[in-house]
N, C-alpha and C. Protein backbone atom coordinates (compact mmCIF):
# COMPACT_ATOMS: atom_id res chain seq x y z
N MET A 1 -19.97 50.49 203.56
CA MET A 1 -19.56 51.71 202.87
C MET A 1 -19.44 51.50 201.38
N GLY A 2 -19.83 50.35 200.88
CA GLY A 2 -19.67 50.05 199.47
C GLY A 2 -20.46 50.99 198.59
N GLY A 3 -20.29 50.81 197.34
CA GLY A 3 -21.00 51.63 196.38
C GLY A 3 -20.06 52.57 195.65
N PHE A 4 -20.63 53.23 194.69
CA PHE A 4 -19.86 54.14 193.84
C PHE A 4 -20.11 55.56 194.31
N HIS A 5 -19.07 56.26 194.67
CA HIS A 5 -19.21 57.61 195.22
C HIS A 5 -18.84 58.65 194.16
N ILE A 6 -19.26 59.87 194.39
CA ILE A 6 -18.98 60.98 193.49
C ILE A 6 -17.47 61.18 193.34
N GLY A 7 -16.75 61.04 194.42
CA GLY A 7 -15.29 61.21 194.37
C GLY A 7 -14.65 60.18 193.45
N ASP A 8 -15.12 58.94 193.51
CA ASP A 8 -14.60 57.90 192.62
C ASP A 8 -14.87 58.27 191.16
N MET A 9 -16.07 58.77 190.91
CA MET A 9 -16.44 59.14 189.55
C MET A 9 -15.56 60.28 189.05
N LEU A 10 -15.29 61.26 189.90
CA LEU A 10 -14.45 62.39 189.50
C LEU A 10 -13.02 61.96 189.21
N VAL A 11 -12.49 61.06 190.01
CA VAL A 11 -11.13 60.57 189.78
C VAL A 11 -11.06 59.80 188.46
N GLN A 12 -12.04 58.95 188.21
CA GLN A 12 -12.07 58.20 186.95
C GLN A 12 -12.18 59.14 185.76
N LEU A 13 -13.01 60.18 185.88
CA LEU A 13 -13.17 61.16 184.81
C LEU A 13 -11.86 61.91 184.58
N LEU A 14 -11.18 62.27 185.65
CA LEU A 14 -9.91 62.97 185.54
C LEU A 14 -8.88 62.10 184.81
N PHE A 15 -8.77 60.83 185.17
CA PHE A 15 -7.82 59.94 184.50
C PHE A 15 -8.19 59.75 183.03
N LEU A 16 -9.47 59.66 182.73
CA LEU A 16 -9.91 59.53 181.35
C LEU A 16 -9.54 60.77 180.55
N LEU A 17 -9.72 61.94 181.14
CA LEU A 17 -9.35 63.18 180.46
C LEU A 17 -7.85 63.27 180.24
N ILE A 18 -7.07 62.83 181.21
CA ILE A 18 -5.61 62.86 181.05
C ILE A 18 -5.19 61.94 179.92
N ILE A 19 -5.75 60.74 179.85
CA ILE A 19 -5.42 59.80 178.79
C ILE A 19 -5.82 60.38 177.43
N ALA A 20 -7.02 60.96 177.35
CA ALA A 20 -7.47 61.56 176.10
C ALA A 20 -6.56 62.71 175.69
N LEU A 21 -6.13 63.52 176.65
CA LEU A 21 -5.25 64.64 176.36
C LEU A 21 -3.90 64.15 175.82
N VAL A 22 -3.35 63.11 176.41
CA VAL A 22 -2.08 62.55 175.93
C VAL A 22 -2.24 62.05 174.49
N ILE A 23 -3.32 61.37 174.20
CA ILE A 23 -3.56 60.86 172.85
C ILE A 23 -3.69 62.01 171.86
N ILE A 24 -4.45 63.04 172.23
CA ILE A 24 -4.63 64.19 171.34
C ILE A 24 -3.31 64.89 171.07
N VAL A 25 -2.49 65.07 172.10
CA VAL A 25 -1.19 65.73 171.92
C VAL A 25 -0.30 64.90 171.00
N LEU A 26 -0.27 63.59 171.18
CA LEU A 26 0.56 62.74 170.33
C LEU A 26 0.10 62.80 168.87
N VAL A 27 -1.20 62.78 168.64
CA VAL A 27 -1.72 62.86 167.27
C VAL A 27 -1.37 64.20 166.65
N LYS A 28 -1.53 65.28 167.40
CA LYS A 28 -1.20 66.61 166.87
C LYS A 28 0.29 66.72 166.55
N LEU A 29 1.14 66.17 167.40
CA LEU A 29 2.57 66.20 167.12
C LEU A 29 2.90 65.42 165.85
N PHE A 30 2.28 64.26 165.71
CA PHE A 30 2.52 63.44 164.52
C PHE A 30 2.07 64.18 163.26
N LEU A 31 0.87 64.77 163.30
CA LEU A 31 0.35 65.46 162.13
C LEU A 31 1.17 66.70 161.78
N SER A 32 1.60 67.46 162.79
CA SER A 32 2.39 68.65 162.50
C SER A 32 3.77 68.26 161.95
N SER A 33 4.32 67.17 162.45
CA SER A 33 5.60 66.70 161.94
C SER A 33 5.48 66.29 160.47
N ARG A 34 4.40 65.60 160.16
CA ARG A 34 4.17 65.17 158.78
C ARG A 34 3.96 66.37 157.86
N LYS A 35 3.23 67.37 158.33
CA LYS A 35 2.98 68.57 157.54
C LYS A 35 4.28 69.33 157.31
N ARG A 36 5.10 69.44 158.36
CA ARG A 36 6.38 70.14 158.23
C ARG A 36 7.29 69.44 157.24
N LYS A 37 7.30 68.11 157.27
CA LYS A 37 8.13 67.36 156.32
C LYS A 37 7.66 67.60 154.90
N HIS A 38 6.36 67.64 154.69
CA HIS A 38 5.80 67.88 153.36
C HIS A 38 6.19 69.28 152.88
N GLN A 39 6.12 70.28 153.77
CA GLN A 39 6.50 71.64 153.40
C GLN A 39 7.99 71.71 153.04
N LEU A 40 8.81 71.02 153.81
CA LEU A 40 10.25 71.02 153.52
C LEU A 40 10.55 70.34 152.19
N ASP A 41 9.82 69.27 151.89
CA ASP A 41 10.01 68.59 150.61
C ASP A 41 9.65 69.51 149.44
N ARG A 42 8.54 70.25 149.58
CA ARG A 42 8.16 71.19 148.51
C ARG A 42 9.19 72.30 148.36
N LEU A 43 9.68 72.82 149.48
CA LEU A 43 10.68 73.88 149.44
C LEU A 43 11.97 73.38 148.80
N GLU A 44 12.37 72.17 149.15
CA GLU A 44 13.58 71.60 148.55
C GLU A 44 13.42 71.43 147.04
N GLU A 45 12.23 71.03 146.62
CA GLU A 45 11.97 70.87 145.19
C GLU A 45 12.07 72.22 144.48
N LYS A 46 11.54 73.28 145.09
CA LYS A 46 11.61 74.62 144.49
C LYS A 46 13.05 75.09 144.42
N VAL A 47 13.83 74.86 145.46
CA VAL A 47 15.24 75.27 145.47
C VAL A 47 16.00 74.51 144.38
N ASP A 48 15.74 73.23 144.24
CA ASP A 48 16.40 72.45 143.20
C ASP A 48 16.05 72.97 141.82
N THR A 49 14.79 73.34 141.63
CA THR A 49 14.37 73.88 140.33
C THR A 49 15.08 75.19 140.04
N LEU A 50 15.13 76.08 141.00
CA LEU A 50 15.81 77.36 140.81
C LEU A 50 17.30 77.15 140.58
N GLU A 51 17.88 76.23 141.30
CA GLU A 51 19.31 75.95 141.14
C GLU A 51 19.62 75.43 139.74
N SER A 52 18.77 74.57 139.23
CA SER A 52 19.00 74.02 137.90
C SER A 52 18.81 75.09 136.83
N LYS A 53 17.89 76.05 137.04
CA LYS A 53 17.71 77.15 136.09
C LYS A 53 18.92 78.07 136.10
N MET A 54 19.52 78.28 137.28
CA MET A 54 20.67 79.17 137.36
C MET A 54 21.91 78.54 136.72
N ASN A 55 22.00 77.22 136.72
CA ASN A 55 23.17 76.53 136.17
C ASN A 55 23.13 76.38 134.66
N LYS A 56 22.02 76.72 134.04
CA LYS A 56 21.91 76.59 132.57
C LYS A 56 22.61 77.70 131.87
C-alpha cells in the first residue's frame, strides 16, 4: 500500500496553508502595531506643539 496518495498531499497542503496563514497574520499584526505607534507619536508631537503655543 506504499506510495504517496492524494489524501496525503491534501493534508500536507492544508498544514502548509495553516502555517503560512499564521505567519501572515503575525506579520500583519506587527506592521499594524508599528504603524499605530508611529501615528500616535505624530499625534503626540502635534499636541505638544499646540500646547506650547497656548502656553506662550
